[in-house]
C-alpha atoms as a PDB file:
ATOM      1  CA  MET A   1     -90.649 -61.628  12.479  1.00  0.00           C
ATOM      2  CA  CYS A   2     -87.483 -61.538  10.441  1.00  0.00           C
ATOM      3  CA  VAL A   3     -87.983 -60.890   6.732  1.00  0.00           C
ATOM      4  CA  LEU A   4     -85.320 -63.458   5.914  1.00  0.00           C
ATOM      5  CA  CYS A   5     -87.131 -66.169   7.914  1.00  0.00           C
ATOM      6  CA  TYR A   6     -90.378 -65.210   6.233  1.00  0.00           C
ATOM      7  CA  GLU A   7     -88.942 -65.430   2.740  1.00  0.00           C
ATOM      8  CA  LEU A   8     -86.919 -68.621   3.214  1.00  0.00           C
ATOM      9  CA  ALA A   9     -89.774 -70.758   4.500  1.00  0.00           C
ATOM     10  CA  PRO A  10     -90.563 -73.888   2.447  1.00  0.00           C
ATOM     11  CA  GLU A  11     -92.885 -74.025  -0.550  1.00  0.00           C
ATOM     12  CA  GLU A  12     -96.656 -74.224  -0.331  1.00  0.00           C
ATOM     13  CA  HIS A  13     -98.391 -77.301   1.037  1.00  0.00           C
ATOM     14  CA  TRP A  14    -100.915 -78.998  -1.239  1.00  0.00           C
ATOM     15  CA  ALA A  15    -103.770 -77.891   1.073  1.00  0.00           C
ATOM     16  CA  ASP A  16    -102.840 -74.249   0.490  1.00  0.00           C
ATOM     17  CA  VAL A  17    -103.041 -74.468  -3.304  1.00  0.00           C
ATOM     18  CA  SER A  18    -106.142 -72.965  -4.903  1.00  0.00           C
ATOM     19  CA  PRO A  19    -108.777 -75.245  -6.427  1.00  0.00           C
ATOM     20  CA  ASP A  20    -108.529 -76.096 -10.128  1.00  0.00           C
ATOM     21  CA  GLY A  21    -109.147 -73.082 -12.310  1.00  0.00           C
ATOM     22  CA  ALA A  22    -109.638 -70.707  -9.398  1.00  0.00           C
ATOM     23  CA  THR A  23    -109.103 -67.016  -9.989  1.00  0.00           C
ATOM     24  CA  SER A  24    -106.771 -65.182  -7.654  1.00  0.00           C
ATOM     25  CA  ALA A  25    -109.786 -63.644  -5.883  1.00  0.00           C
ATOM     26  CA  THR A  26    -111.280 -67.097  -5.388  1.00  0.00           C
ATOM     27  CA  ALA A  27    -107.956 -68.449  -4.159  1.00  0.00           C
ATOM     28  CA  ARG A  28    -107.593 -65.549  -1.681  1.00  0.00           C
ATOM     29  CA  ALA A  29    -111.116 -66.138  -0.395  1.00  0.00           C
ATOM     30  CA  ALA A  30    -110.442 -69.857   0.073  1.00  0.00           C
ATOM     31  CA  ARG A  31    -107.176 -69.126   1.888  1.00  0.00           C
ATOM     32  CA  HIS A  32    -108.913 -66.567   4.118  1.00  0.00           C
ATOM     33  CA  ARG A  33    -111.608 -69.142   4.953  1.00  0.00           C
ATOM     34  CA  ARG A  34    -108.958 -71.751   5.861  1.00  0.00           C
ATOM     35  CA  THR A  35    -107.178 -69.248   8.097  1.00  0.00           C
ATOM     36  CA  ARG A  36    -110.449 -68.406   9.879  1.00  0.00           C
ATOM     37  CA  LEU A  37    -111.099 -72.106  10.423  1.00  0.00           C
ATOM     38  CA  ILE A  38    -107.570 -72.701  11.777  1.00  0.00           C
ATOM     39  CA  SER A  39    -108.042 -69.675  14.055  1.00  0.00           C
ATOM     40  CA  ALA A  40    -111.294 -71.124  15.397  1.00  0.00           C
ATOM     41  CA  VAL A  41    -109.620 -74.472  16.063  1.00  0.00           C
ATOM     42  CA  LEU A  42    -106.627 -72.931  17.845  1.00  0.00           C
ATOM     43  CA  ALA A  43    -108.461 -70.235  19.852  1.00  0.00           C
ATOM     44  CA  PRO A  44    -109.412 -72.603  22.730  1.00  0.00           C
ATOM     45  CA  TYR A  45    -105.697 -73.348  23.098  1.00  0.00           C
ATOM     46  CA  GLY A  46    -104.900 -69.655  23.604  1.00  0.00           C
ATOM     47  CA  LEU A  47    -103.384 -69.266  20.147  1.00  0.00           C
ATOM     48  CA  THR A  48    -103.946 -66.837  17.305  1.00  0.00           C
ATOM     49  CA  VAL A  49    -103.214 -67.246  13.615  1.00  0.00           C
ATOM     50  CA  SER A  50    -102.585 -64.408  11.202  1.00  0.00           C
ATOM     51  CA  ASP A  51    -102.026 -64.565   7.487  1.00  0.00           C
ATOM     52  CA  PRO A  52    -100.101 -61.809   5.728  1.00  0.00           C
ATOM     53  CA  GLY A  53    -101.670 -62.954   2.457  1.00  0.00           C
ATOM     54  CA  THR A  54     -98.449 -63.571   0.530  1.00  0.00           C
ATOM     55  CA  GLY A  55     -96.642 -66.843   0.190  1.00  0.00           C
ATOM     56  CA  PRO A  56     -97.492 -69.966   2.136  1.00  0.00           C
ATOM     57  CA  HIS A  57     -96.828 -68.314   5.496  1.00  0.00           C
ATOM     58  CA  ARG A  58     -98.970 -67.915   8.582  1.00  0.00           C
ATOM     59  CA  VAL A  59     -97.944 -66.597  11.982  1.00  0.00           C
ATOM     60  CA  VAL A  60     -99.010 -68.609  15.022  1.00  0.00           C
ATOM     61  CA  ALA A  61     -98.757 -66.790  18.356  1.00  0.00           C
ATOM     62  CA  ASN A  62     -99.688 -67.353  21.984  1.00  0.00           C
ATOM     63  CA  ARG A  63    -100.917 -64.954  24.665  1.00  0.00           C
ATOM     64  CA  LYS A  64     -97.448 -64.604  26.142  1.00  0.00           C
ATOM     65  CA  GLY A  65     -96.133 -62.891  23.021  1.00  0.00           C
ATOM     66  CA  ALA A  66     -94.270 -65.859  21.532  1.00  0.00           C
ATOM     67  CA  GLY A  67     -94.858 -66.494  17.855  1.00  0.00           C
ATOM     68  CA  GLU A  68     -93.606 -68.583  14.971  1.00  0.00           C
ATOM     69  CA  VAL A  69     -93.712 -68.245  11.218  1.00  0.00           C
ATOM     70  CA  ALA A  70     -95.287 -71.365   9.768  1.00  0.00           C
ATOM     71  CA  ALA A  71     -95.088 -72.228   6.084  1.00  0.00           C
ATOM     72  CA  GLY A  72     -97.992 -74.434   5.119  1.00  0.00           C
ATOM     73  CA  LEU A  73    -100.526 -76.383   7.110  1.00  0.00           C
ATOM     74  CA  PRO A  74     -98.216 -79.031   8.645  1.00  0.00           C
ATOM     75  CA  ALA A  75     -95.901 -76.318   9.984  1.00  0.00           C
ATOM     76  CA  THR A  76     -98.916 -74.453  11.391  1.00  0.00           C
ATOM     77  CA  TRP A  77     -99.937 -77.488  13.458  1.00  0.00           C
ATOM     78  CA  ALA A  78     -96.350 -78.071  14.600  1.00  0.00           C
ATOM     79  CA  ALA A  79     -96.027 -74.433  15.709  1.00  0.00           C
ATOM     80  CA  ALA A  80     -99.347 -74.701  17.543  1.00  0.00           C
ATOM     81  CA  ASP A  81     -98.095 -77.775  19.413  1.00  0.00           C
ATOM     82  CA  ARG A  82     -94.943 -75.934  20.491  1.00  0.00           C
ATOM     83  CA  LEU A  83     -96.727 -72.726  21.530  1.00  0.00           C
ATOM     84  CA  SER A  84     -99.799 -74.160  23.230  1.00  0.00           C
ATOM     85  CA  PRO A  85     -99.836 -74.666  26.998  1.00  0.00           C
ATOM     86  CA  ARG A  86    -101.450 -78.086  26.410  1.00  0.00           C
ATOM     87  CA  PRO A  87    -101.411 -80.606  23.561  1.00  0.00           C
ATOM     88  CA  VAL A  88    -103.451 -79.523  20.535  1.00  0.00           C
ATOM     89  CA  ASP A  89    -106.011 -82.155  19.566  1.00  0.00           C
ATOM     90  CA  VAL A  90    -107.949 -81.048  16.504  1.00  0.00           C
ATOM     91  CA  LEU A  91    -110.174 -84.132  16.828  1.00  0.00           C
ATOM     92  CA  ASP A  92    -111.154 -83.456  20.457  1.00  0.00           C
ATOM     93  CA  PRO A  93    -114.927 -84.158  20.636  1.00  0.00           C
ATOM     94  CA  ALA A  94    -115.574 -81.053  22.782  1.00  0.00           C
ATOM     95  CA  LEU A  95    -113.716 -78.883  20.262  1.00  0.00           C
ATOM     96  CA  LEU A  96    -115.621 -80.396  17.331  1.00  0.00           C
ATOM     97  CA  ASP A  97    -118.947 -79.856  19.136  1.00  0.00           C
ATOM     98  CA  ALA A  98    -118.035 -76.210  19.812  1.00  0.00           C
ATOM     99  CA  LEU A  99    -117.039 -75.686  16.181  1.00  0.00           C
ATOM    100  CA  ALA A 100    -120.259 -77.325  14.967  1.00  0.00           C
ATOM    101  CA  GLY A 101    -122.222 -74.956  17.197  1.00  0.00           C
ATOM    102  CA  ASP A 102    -120.453 -71.959  15.636  1.00  0.00           C
ATOM    103  CA  VAL A 103    -121.363 -73.145  12.138  1.00  0.00           C
ATOM    104  CA  ALA A 104    -125.032 -73.782  12.905  1.00  0.00           C
END
């Protein structure tokens, strides 16, 4: 990933902002939890998500070695759609059932 691309990505999305009054440790924990959840959602599509922990950026990659820097949640879903071998449907009943089983 190019450092310039990483640094010039758009500002944070509202979903990536920490809750009211959160400490930086709390905000990091919440962001880490969101990244784990996104990873769980995208894993059945053959995608991985990594979070360098700075800025609003995540890296979405497929098993063929292609990857994209995504700034914020909307860009993460758009990158997933481009990199996935099939359309990403985060409301797919089978996916939701699988995720519910992981939580239980």
